[in-house]
Amino acid sequence: MPPFTGVNGLLQVQTDAGQPSFWNAYNWDDDARAAAAPDPDNVAEAPRYVVEELPPLTAQGDSLRFGALPDVGFYRVTARGVGGSTDAVSILQTTYRR
């Protein structure tokens, strides 16, 4: 797993990343990854994304029966797409459980 150091779209958790103002000010050109697809036609910019490594949570379950349970890892993925002009921007987020 590559390190989540803030380079190439891999971040440690950002406390204000749930706020639109954080992503509107984010440097998408330098700090995000380009989507692994050819540039779609008729858009002002190629889509980009960022992955944040969220703090792990302790797994819940029967530790007496199964022994120590591993921590559960989570990642927040934020993607940004631009339409036909730079004024048409959409930012979507989802959370992935490892």
PDB file of N, CA and C in Angstrom:
ATOM      1  N   MET A   1       0.850  -1.164   0.000  1.00  0.00           N
ATOM      2  CA  MET A   1       0.000   0.000   0.000  1.00  0.00           C
ATOM      3  C   MET A   1       0.902   1.236   0.000  1.00  0.00           C
ATOM      4  N   PRO A   2       0.678   2.177  -0.912  1.00  0.00           N
ATOM      5  CA  PRO A   2       1.515   3.383  -0.930  1.00  0.00           C
ATOM      6  C   PRO A   2       1.234   4.255   0.292  1.00  0.00           C
ATOM      7  N   PRO A   3       2.189   5.081   0.675  1.00  0.00           N
ATOM      8  CA  PRO A   3       1.972   5.938   1.846  1.00  0.00           C
ATOM      9  C   PRO A   3       0.991   7.071   1.540  1.00  0.00           C
ATOM     10  N   PHE A   4       0.167   7.406   2.510  1.00  0.00           N
ATOM     11  CA  PHE A   4      -0.797   8.485   2.382  1.00  0.00           C
ATOM     12  C   PHE A   4      -0.159   9.747   2.961  1.00  0.00           C
ATOM     13  N   THR A   5       0.651  10.426   2.125  1.00  0.00           N
ATOM     14  CA  THR A   5       1.455  11.554   2.585  1.00  0.00           C
ATOM     15  C   THR A   5       1.015  12.899   2.023  1.00  0.00           C
ATOM     16  N   GLY A   6      -0.100  12.941   1.309  1.00  0.00           N
ATOM     17  CA  GLY A   6      -0.545  14.195   0.711  1.00  0.00           C
ATOM     18  C   GLY A   6      -0.036  14.393  -0.700  1.00  0.00           C
ATOM     19  N   VAL A   7       0.706  13.429  -1.217  1.00  0.00           N
ATOM     20  CA  VAL A   7       1.253  13.515  -2.560  1.00  0.00           C
ATOM     21  C   VAL A   7       0.467  12.593  -3.484  1.00  0.00           C
ATOM     22  N   ASN A   8       0.247  13.037  -4.702  1.00  0.00           N
ATOM     23  CA  ASN A   8      -0.383  12.222  -5.740  1.00  0.00           C
ATOM     24  C   ASN A   8      -1.769  11.710  -5.337  1.00  0.00           C
ATOM     25  N   GLY A   9      -2.530  12.561  -4.665  1.00  0.00           N
ATOM     26  CA  GLY A   9      -3.909  12.222  -4.361  1.00  0.00           C
ATOM     27  C   GLY A   9      -4.115  11.271  -3.194  1.00  0.00           C
ATOM     28  N   LEU A  10      -3.089  10.995  -2.406  1.00  0.00           N
ATOM     29  CA  LEU A  10      -3.205  10.102  -1.253  1.00  0.00           C
ATOM     30  C   LEU A  10      -3.000  10.908   0.022  1.00  0.00           C
ATOM     31  N   LEU A  11      -4.066  11.112   0.785  1.00  0.00           N
ATOM     32  CA  LEU A  11      -4.039  11.982   1.956  1.00  0.00           C
ATOM     33  C   LEU A  11      -4.327  11.228   3.233  1.00  0.00           C
ATOM     34  N   GLN A  12      -3.790  11.732   4.349  1.00  0.00           N
ATOM     35  CA  GLN A  12      -4.289  11.352   5.661  1.00  0.00           C
ATOM     36  C   GLN A  12      -5.612  12.069   5.833  1.00  0.00           C
ATOM     37  N   VAL A  13      -6.398  11.658   6.788  1.00  0.00           N
ATOM     38  CA  VAL A  13      -7.713  12.250   6.982  1.00  0.00           C
ATOM     39  C   VAL A  13      -7.610  13.772   7.133  1.00  0.00           C
ATOM     40  N   GLN A  14      -8.506  14.465   6.465  1.00  0.00           N
ATOM     41  CA  GLN A  14      -8.601  15.920   6.539  1.00  0.00           C
ATOM     42  C   GLN A  14      -9.830  16.264   7.370  1.00  0.00           C
ATOM     43  N   THR A  15      -9.647  16.990   8.452  1.00  0.00           N
ATOM     44  CA  THR A  15     -10.754  17.227   9.381  1.00  0.00           C
ATOM     45  C   THR A  15     -11.903  17.999   8.749  1.00  0.00           C
ATOM     46  N   ASP A  16     -11.626  18.851   7.782  1.00  0.00           N
ATOM     47  CA  ASP A  16     -12.693  19.631   7.167  1.00  0.00           C
ATOM     48  C   ASP A  16     -13.044  19.156   5.760  1.00  0.00           C
ATOM     49  N   ALA A  17     -12.661  17.923   5.407  1.00  0.00           N
ATOM     50  CA  ALA A  17     -12.896  17.410   4.058  1.00  0.00           C
ATOM     51  C   ALA A  17     -14.365  17.122   3.772  1.00  0.00           C
ATOM     52  N   GLY A  18     -15.217  17.144   4.781  1.00  0.00           N
ATOM     53  CA  GLY A  18     -16.641  16.973   4.542  1.00  0.00           C
ATOM     54  C   GLY A  18     -17.324  18.271   4.156  1.00  0.00           C
ATOM     55  N   GLN A  19     -16.574  19.358   4.159  1.00  0.00           N
ATOM     56  CA  GLN A  19     -17.129  20.673   3.836  1.00  0.00           C
ATOM     57  C   GLN A  19     -16.843  21.024   2.375  1.00  0.00           C
ATOM     58  N   PRO A  20     -17.846  21.535   1.660  1.00  0.00           N
ATOM     59  CA  PRO A  20     -17.613  21.925   0.259  1.00  0.00           C
ATOM     60  C   PRO A  20     -16.495  22.950   0.099  1.00  0.00           C
ATOM     61  N   SER A  21     -16.326  23.847   1.062  1.00  0.00           N
ATOM     62  CA  SER A  21     -15.295  24.877   0.941  1.00  0.00           C
ATOM     63  C   SER A  21     -13.891  24.265   0.862  1.00  0.00           C
ATOM     64  N   PHE A  22     -13.662  23.141   1.556  1.00  0.00           N
ATOM     65  CA  PHE A  22     -12.352  22.479   1.490  1.00  0.00           C
ATOM     66  C   PHE A  22     -12.057  22.042   0.062  1.00  0.00           C
ATOM     67  N   TRP A  23     -13.001  21.373  -0.570  1.00  0.00           N
ATOM     68  CA  TRP A  23     -12.774  20.830  -1.910  1.00  0.00           C
ATOM     69  C   TRP A  23     -12.823  21.901  -2.992  1.00  0.00           C
ATOM     70  N   ASN A  24     -13.559  22.988  -2.755  1.00  0.00           N
ATOM     71  CA  ASN A  24     -13.554  24.088  -3.719  1.00  0.00           C
ATOM     72  C   ASN A  24     -12.200  24.781  -3.750  1.00  0.00           C
ATOM     73  N   ALA A  25     -11.498  24.809  -2.615  1.00  0.00           N
ATOM     74  CA  ALA A  25     -10.181  25.446  -2.531  1.00  0.00           C
ATOM     75  C   ALA A  25      -9.034  24.467  -2.785  1.00  0.00           C
ATOM     76  N   TYR A  26      -9.319  23.183  -2.863  1.00  0.00           N
ATOM     77  CA  TYR A  26      -8.292  22.150  -3.025  1.00  0.00           C
ATOM     78  C   TYR A  26      -7.574  22.319  -4.362  1.00  0.00           C
ATOM     79  N   ASN A  27      -6.279  22.040  -4.400  1.00  0.00           N
ATOM     80  CA  ASN A  27      -5.494  22.151  -5.629  1.00  0.00           C
ATOM     81  C   ASN A  27      -5.625  20.852  -6.433  1.00  0.00           C
ATOM     82  N   TRP A  28      -6.681  20.759  -7.202  1.00  0.00           N
ATOM     83  CA  TRP A  28      -6.970  19.546  -7.966  1.00  0.00           C
ATOM     84  C   TRP A  28      -5.926  19.271  -9.043  1.00  0.00           C
ATOM     85  N   ASP A  29      -5.310  20.308  -9.604  1.00  0.00           N
ATOM     86  CA  ASP A  29      -4.335  20.106 -10.673  1.00  0.00           C
ATOM     87  C   ASP A  29      -3.061  19.444 -10.173  1.00  0.00           C
ATOM     88  N   ASP A  30      -2.584  19.846  -8.997  1.00  0.00           N
ATOM     89  CA  ASP A  30      -1.298  19.349  -8.502  1.00  0.00           C
ATOM     90  C   ASP A  30      -1.405  18.237  -7.474  1.00  0.00           C
ATOM     91  N   ASP A  31      -2.514  18.180  -6.717  1.00  0.00           N
ATOM     92  CA  ASP A  31      -2.579  17.280  -5.571  1.00  0.00           C
ATOM     93  C   ASP A  31      -3.531  16.102  -5.740  1.00  0.00           C
ATOM     94  N   ALA A  32      -4.154  15.947  -6.898  1.00  0.00           N
ATOM     95  CA  ALA A  32      -5.088  14.847  -7.124  1.00  0.00           C
ATOM     96  C   ALA A  32      -4.558  13.949  -8.239  1.00  0.00           C
ATOM     97  N   ARG A  33      -5.170  12.805  -8.371  1.00  0.00           N
ATOM     98  CA  ARG A  33      -4.817  11.875  -9.446  1.00  0.00           C
ATOM     99  C   ARG A  33      -5.808  12.014 -10.590  1.00  0.00           C
ATOM    100  N   ALA A  34      -5.316  11.876 -11.794  1.00  0.00           N
ATOM    101  CA  ALA A  34      -6.200  11.865 -12.957  1.00  0.00           C
ATOM    102  C   ALA A  34      -6.885  10.510 -13.031  1.00  0.00           C
ATOM    103  N   ALA A  35      -8.116  10.512 -13.463  1.00  0.00           N
ATOM    104  CA  ALA A  35      -8.848   9.252 -13.621  1.00  0.00           C
ATOM    105  C   ALA A  35      -8.154   8.396 -14.666  1.00  0.00           C
ATOM    106  N   ALA A  36      -8.156   7.097 -14.459  1.00  0.00           N
ATOM    107  CA  ALA A  36      -7.467   6.161 -15.350  1.00  0.00           C
ATOM    108  C   ALA A  36      -8.342   5.817 -16.550  1.00  0.00           C
ATOM    109  N   ALA A  37      -8.737   6.847 -17.269  1.00  0.00           N
ATOM    110  CA  ALA A  37      -9.564   6.668 -18.463  1.00  0.00           C
ATOM    111  C   ALA A  37      -9.176   7.768 -19.447  1.00  0.00           C
ATOM    112  N   PRO A  38      -9.406   7.539 -20.708  1.00  0.00           N
ATOM    113  CA  PRO A  38      -9.094   8.607 -21.662  1.00  0.00           C
ATOM    114  C   PRO A  38      -9.941   9.839 -21.372  1.00  0.00           C
ATOM    115  N   ASP A  39      -9.413  11.002 -21.714  1.00  0.00           N
ATOM    116  CA  ASP A  39     -10.171  12.238 -21.520  1.00  0.00           C
ATOM    117  C   ASP A  39     -11.464  12.185 -22.315  1.00  0.00           C
ATOM    118  N   PRO A  40     -12.580  12.373 -21.640  1.00  0.00           N
ATOM    119  CA  PRO A  40     -13.842  12.383 -22.376  1.00  0.00           C
ATOM    120  C   PRO A  40     -13.948  13.637 -23.246  1.00  0.00           C
ATOM    121  N   ASP A  41     -14.687  13.516 -24.315  1.00  0.00           N
ATOM    122  CA  ASP A  41     -14.898  14.652 -25.201  1.00  0.00           C
ATOM    123  C   ASP A  41     -15.815  15.671 -24.544  1.00  0.00           C
ATOM    124  N   ASN A  42     -15.674  16.900 -24.947  1.00  0.00           N
ATOM    125  CA  ASN A  42     -16.583  17.987 -24.573  1.00  0.00           C
ATOM    126  C   ASN A  42     -16.587  18.326 -23.085  1.00  0.00           C
ATOM    127  N   VAL A  43     -15.491  18.126 -22.395  1.00  0.00           N
ATOM    128  CA  VAL A  43     -15.383  18.586 -21.010  1.00  0.00           C
ATOM    129  C   VAL A  43     -14.192  19.531 -20.911  1.00  0.00           C
ATOM    130  N   ALA A  44     -14.295  20.477 -19.989  1.00  0.00           N
ATOM    131  CA  ALA A  44     -13.249  21.483 -19.840  1.00  0.00           C
ATOM    132  C   ALA A  44     -11.988  20.923 -19.172  1.00  0.00           C
ATOM    133  N   GLU A  45     -12.155  19.916 -18.304  1.00  0.00           N
ATOM    134  CA  GLU A  45     -11.021  19.311 -17.603  1.00  0.00           C
ATOM    135  C   GLU A  45     -11.278  17.822 -17.438  1.00  0.00           C
ATOM    136  N   ALA A  46     -10.200  17.062 -17.383  1.00  0.00           N
ATOM    137  CA  ALA A  46     -10.325  15.618 -17.137  1.00  0.00           C
ATOM    138  C   ALA A  46     -10.738  15.379 -15.683  1.00  0.00           C
ATOM    139  N   PRO A  47     -11.483  14.309 -15.410  1.00  0.00           N
ATOM    140  CA  PRO A  47     -11.862  14.001 -14.027  1.00  0.00           C
ATOM    141  C   PRO A  47     -10.640  13.645 -13.186  1.00  0.00           C
ATOM    142  N   ARG A  48     -10.717  13.980 -11.891  1.00  0.00           N
ATOM    143  CA  ARG A  48      -9.625  13.707 -10.954  1.00  0.00           C
ATOM    144  C   ARG A  48     -10.209  13.184  -9.657  1.00  0.00           C
ATOM    145  N   TYR A  49      -9.360  12.546  -8.836  1.00  0.00           N
ATOM    146  CA  TYR A  49      -9.842  12.009  -7.562  1.00  0.00           C
ATOM    147  C   TYR A  49      -8.753  12.043  -6.501  1.00  0.00           C
ATOM    148  N   VAL A  50      -9.207  11.953  -5.241  1.00  0.00           N
ATOM    149  CA  VAL A  50      -8.336  11.940  -4.064  1.00  0.00           C
ATOM    150  C   VAL A  50      -8.828  10.819  -3.155  1.00  0.00           C
ATOM    151  N   VAL A  51      -7.899  10.121  -2.517  1.00  0.00           N
ATOM    152  CA  VAL A  51      -8.238   9.078  -1.551  1.00  0.00           C
ATOM    153  C   VAL A  51      -7.646   9.473  -0.203  1.00  0.00           C
ATOM    154  N   GLU A  52      -8.497   9.532   0.825  1.00  0.00           N
ATOM    155  CA  GLU A  52      -8.045   9.829   2.186  1.00  0.00           C
ATOM    156  C   GLU A  52      -8.066   8.550   3.010  1.00  0.00           C
ATOM    157  N   GLU A  53      -7.009   8.322   3.749  1.00  0.00           N
ATOM    158  CA  GLU A  53      -6.969   7.200   4.680  1.00  0.00           C
ATOM    159  C   GLU A  53      -7.571   7.671   5.998  1.00  0.00           C
ATOM    160  N   LEU A  54      -8.708   7.108   6.368  1.00  0.00           N
ATOM    161  CA  LEU A  54      -9.386   7.478   7.608  1.00  0.00           C
ATOM    162  C   LEU A  54      -8.835   6.645   8.766  1.00  0.00           C
ATOM    163  N   PRO A  55      -8.992   7.102   9.999  1.00  0.00           N
ATOM    164  CA  PRO A  55      -8.501   6.319  11.144  1.00  0.00           C
ATOM    165  C   PRO A  55      -9.182   4.956  11.203  1.00  0.00           C
ATOM    166  N   PRO A  56      -8.447   3.898  11.541  1.00  0.00           N
ATOM    167  CA  PRO A  56      -9.057   2.566  11.626  1.00  0.00           C
ATOM    168  C   PRO A  56      -9.999   2.477  12.824  1.00  0.00           C
ATOM    169  N   LEU A  57     -10.955   1.578  12.716  1.00  0.00           N
ATOM    170  CA  LEU A  57     -11.875   1.284  13.812  1.00  0.00           C
ATOM    171  C   LEU A  57     -11.658  -0.153  14.249  1.00  0.00           C
ATOM    172  N   THR A  58     -11.840  -0.414  15.520  1.00  0.00           N
ATOM    173  CA  THR A  58     -11.729  -1.772  16.015  1.00  0.00           C
ATOM    174  C   THR A  58     -12.953  -2.563  15.579  1.00  0.00           C
ATOM    175  N   ALA A  59     -12.711  -3.728  15.021  1.00  0.00           N
ATOM    176  CA  ALA A  59     -13.809  -4.580  14.567  1.00  0.00           C
ATOM    177  C   ALA A  59     -14.651  -5.034  15.748  1.00  0.00           C
ATOM    178  N   GLN A  60     -15.939  -5.129  15.548  1.00  0.00           N
ATOM    179  CA  GLN A  60     -16.865  -5.590  16.573  1.00  0.00           C
ATOM    180  C   GLN A  60     -17.200  -7.057  16.307  1.00  0.00           C
ATOM    181  N   GLY A  61     -17.245  -7.847  17.329  1.00  0.00           N
ATOM    182  CA  GLY A  61     -17.581  -9.253  17.151  1.00  0.00           C
ATOM    183  C   GLY A  61     -17.203 -10.058  18.380  1.00  0.00           C
ATOM    184  N   ASP A  62     -17.267 -11.343  18.229  1.00  0.00           N
ATOM    185  CA  ASP A  62     -17.034 -12.265  19.331  1.00  0.00           C
ATOM    186  C   ASP A  62     -15.539 -12.559  19.435  1.00  0.00           C
ATOM    187  N   SER A  63     -14.793 -11.711  20.165  1.00  0.00           N
ATOM    188  CA  SER A  63     -13.352 -11.905  20.277  1.00  0.00           C
ATOM    189  C   SER A  63     -13.008 -13.105  21.155  1.00  0.00           C
ATOM    190  N   LEU A  64     -13.921 -13.548  22.009  1.00  0.00           N
ATOM    191  CA  LEU A  64     -13.662 -14.739  22.823  1.00  0.00           C
ATOM    192  C   LEU A  64     -13.641 -15.985  21.957  1.00  0.00           C
ATOM    193  N   ARG A  65     -14.482 -16.004  20.943  1.00  0.00           N
ATOM    194  CA  ARG A  65     -14.574 -17.162  20.076  1.00  0.00           C
ATOM    195  C   ARG A  65     -13.539 -17.145  18.957  1.00  0.00           C
ATOM    196  N   PHE A  66     -13.274 -15.950  18.435  1.00  0.00           N
ATOM    197  CA  PHE A  66     -12.401 -15.851  17.259  1.00  0.00           C
ATOM    198  C   PHE A  66     -11.027 -15.277  17.571  1.00  0.00           C
ATOM    199  N   GLY A  67     -10.774 -14.877  18.802  1.00  0.00           N
ATOM    200  CA  GLY A  67      -9.507 -14.238  19.136  1.00  0.00           C
ATOM    201  C   GLY A  67      -9.566 -12.759  18.807  1.00  0.00           C
ATOM    202  N   ALA A  68      -8.436 -12.097  18.888  1.00  0.00           N
ATOM    203  CA  ALA A  68      -8.382 -10.652  18.635  1.00  0.00           C
ATOM    204  C   ALA A  68      -8.819 -10.363  17.203  1.00  0.00           C
ATOM    205  N   LEU A  69      -9.719  -9.418  17.074  1.00  0.00           N
ATOM    206  CA  LEU A  69     -10.208  -9.040  15.751  1.00  0.00           C
ATOM    207  C   LEU A  69      -9.353  -7.902  15.199  1.00  0.00           C
ATOM    208  N   PRO A  70      -9.080  -7.914  13.904  1.00  0.00           N
ATOM    209  CA  PRO A  70      -8.238  -6.862  13.325  1.00  0.00           C
ATOM    210  C   PRO A  70      -8.999  -5.536  13.243  1.00  0.00           C
ATOM    211  N   ASP A  71      -8.228  -4.452  13.179  1.00  0.00           N
ATOM    212  CA  ASP A  71      -8.841  -3.157  12.930  1.00  0.00           C
ATOM    213  C   ASP A  71      -9.418  -3.138  11.517  1.00  0.00           C
ATOM    214  N   VAL A  72     -10.452  -2.334  11.332  1.00  0.00           N
ATOM    215  CA  VAL A  72     -11.092  -2.193  10.031  1.00  0.00           C
ATOM    216  C   VAL A  72     -10.655  -0.857   9.446  1.00  0.00           C
ATOM    217  N   GLY A  73     -10.139  -0.888   8.224  1.00  0.00           N
ATOM    218  CA  GLY A  73      -9.676   0.327   7.565  1.00  0.00           C
ATOM    219  C   GLY A  73     -10.761   0.938   6.697  1.00  0.00           C
ATOM    220  N   PHE A  74     -10.780   2.259   6.666  1.00  0.00           N
ATOM    221  CA  PHE A  74     -11.737   2.989   5.839  1.00  0.00           C
ATOM    222  C   PHE A  74     -11.000   4.043   5.023  1.00  0.00           C
ATOM    223  N   TYR A  75     -11.539   4.327   3.845  1.00  0.00           N
ATOM    224  CA  TYR A  75     -10.994   5.349   2.964  1.00  0.00           C
ATOM    225  C   TYR A  75     -12.141   6.193   2.437  1.00  0.00           C
ATOM    226  N   ARG A  76     -11.931   7.500   2.360  1.00  0.00           N
ATOM    227  CA  ARG A  76     -12.918   8.388   1.752  1.00  0.00           C
ATOM    228  C   ARG A  76     -12.380   8.771   0.381  1.00  0.00           C
ATOM    229  N   VAL A  77     -13.170   8.518  -0.649  1.00  0.00           N
ATOM    230  CA  VAL A  77     -12.785   8.824  -2.023  1.00  0.00           C
ATOM    231  C   VAL A  77     -13.607  10.024  -2.475  1.00  0.00           C
ATOM    232  N   THR A  78     -12.918  11.052  -2.945  1.00  0.00           N
ATOM    233  CA  THR A  78     -13.570  12.259  -3.443  1.00  0.00           C
ATOM    234  C   THR A  78     -13.184  12.421  -4.906  1.00  0.00           C
ATOM    235  N   ALA A  79     -14.182  12.547  -5.764  1.00  0.00           N
ATOM    236  CA  ALA A  79     -13.947  12.694  -7.201  1.00  0.00           C
ATOM    237  C   ALA A  79     -14.508  14.034  -7.664  1.00  0.00           C
ATOM    238  N   ARG A  80     -13.846  14.605  -8.648  1.00  0.00           N
ATOM    239  CA  ARG A  80     -14.271  15.904  -9.200  1.00  0.00           C
ATOM    240  C   ARG A  80     -14.351  15.791 -10.714  1.00  0.00           C
ATOM    241  N   GLY A  81     -15.503  16.167 -11.234  1.00  0.00           N
ATOM    242  CA  GLY A  81     -15.707  16.193 -12.674  1.00  0.00           C
ATOM    243  C   GLY A  81     -16.105  17.589 -13.107  1.00  0.00           C
ATOM    244  N   VAL A  82     -15.679  17.970 -14.299  1.00  0.00           N
ATOM    245  CA  VAL A  82     -15.985  19.289 -14.853  1.00  0.00           C
ATOM    246  C   VAL A  82     -16.713  19.074 -16.167  1.00  0.00           C
ATOM    247  N   GLY A  83     -17.751  19.858 -16.382  1.00  0.00           N
ATOM    248  CA  GLY A  83     -18.544  19.731 -17.597  1.00  0.00           C
ATOM    249  C   GLY A  83     -17.935  20.495 -18.763  1.00  0.00           C
ATOM    250  N   GLY A  84     -18.791  21.029 -19.613  1.00  0.00           N
ATOM    251  CA  GLY A  84     -18.347  21.734 -20.816  1.00  0.00           C
ATOM    252  C   GLY A  84     -17.660  23.055 -20.533  1.00  0.00           C
ATOM    253  N   SER A  85     -17.847  23.623 -19.336  1.00  0.00           N
ATOM    254  CA  SER A  85     -17.142  24.839 -18.936  1.00  0.00           C
ATOM    255  C   SER A  85     -16.632  24.642 -17.511  1.00  0.00           C
ATOM    256  N   THR A  86     -15.691  25.475 -17.118  1.00  0.00           N
ATOM    257  CA  THR A  86     -15.126  25.350 -15.771  1.00  0.00           C
ATOM    258  C   THR A  86     -16.116  25.771 -14.692  1.00  0.00           C
ATOM    259  N   ASP A  87     -17.266  26.317 -15.083  1.00  0.00           N
ATOM    260  CA  ASP A  87     -18.311  26.663 -14.113  1.00  0.00           C
ATOM    261  C   ASP A  87     -19.195  25.471 -13.763  1.00  0.00           C
ATOM    262  N   ALA A  88     -19.125  24.409 -14.519  1.00  0.00           N
ATOM    263  CA  ALA A  88     -19.952  23.217 -14.287  1.00  0.00           C
ATOM    264  C   ALA A  88     -19.104  22.153 -13.599  1.00  0.00           C
ATOM    265  N   VAL A  89     -19.098  22.167 -12.260  1.00  0.00           N
ATOM    266  CA  VAL A  89     -18.255  21.270 -11.466  1.00  0.00           C
ATOM    267  C   VAL A  89     -19.132  20.405 -10.579  1.00  0.00           C
ATOM    268  N   SER A  90     -18.797  19.130 -10.501  1.00  0.00           N
ATOM    269  CA  SER A  90     -19.496  18.213  -9.609  1.00  0.00           C
ATOM    270  C   SER A  90     -18.456  17.484  -8.764  1.00  0.00           C
ATOM    271  N   ILE A  91     -18.676  17.455  -7.438  1.00  0.00           N
ATOM    272  CA  ILE A  91     -17.779  16.763  -6.524  1.00  0.00           C
ATOM    273  C   ILE A  91     -18.599  15.716  -5.780  1.00  0.00           C
ATOM    274  N   LEU A  92     -18.149  14.468  -5.837  1.00  0.00           N
ATOM    275  CA  LEU A  92     -18.841  13.355  -5.200  1.00  0.00           C
ATOM    276  C   LEU A  92     -17.914  12.671  -4.203  1.00  0.00           C
ATOM    277  N   GLN A  93     -18.487  12.161  -3.101  1.00  0.00           N
ATOM    278  CA  GLN A  93     -17.694  11.437  -2.111  1.00  0.00           C
ATOM    279  C   GLN A  93     -18.377  10.109  -1.794  1.00  0.00           C
ATOM    280  N   THR A  94     -17.521   9.130  -1.475  1.00  0.00           N
ATOM    281  CA  THR A  94     -18.005   7.856  -0.963  1.00  0.00           C
ATOM    282  C   THR A  94     -16.965   7.343   0.023  1.00  0.00           C
ATOM    283  N   THR A  95     -17.371   6.382   0.831  1.00  0.00           N
ATOM    284  CA  THR A  95     -16.455   5.765   1.792  1.00  0.00           C
ATOM    285  C   THR A  95     -16.316   4.297   1.461  1.00  0.00           C
ATOM    286  N   TYR A  96     -15.085   3.820   1.491  1.00  0.00           N
ATOM    287  CA  TYR A  96     -14.765   2.432   1.163  1.00  0.00           C
ATOM    288  C   TYR A  96     -14.233   1.754   2.417  1.00  0.00           C
ATOM    289  N   ARG A  97     -14.747   0.577   2.706  1.00  0.00           N
ATOM    290  CA  ARG A  97     -14.273  -0.219   3.851  1.00  0.00           C
ATOM    291  C   ARG A  97     -13.364  -1.317   3.335  1.00  0.00           C
ATOM    292  N   ARG A  98     -12.191  -1.420   3.932  1.00  0.00           N
ATOM    293  CA  ARG A  98     -11.220  -2.446   3.531  1.00  0.00           C
ATOM    294  C   ARG A  98     -11.440  -3.666   4.376  1.00  0.00           C
TER     295      ARG A  98
END
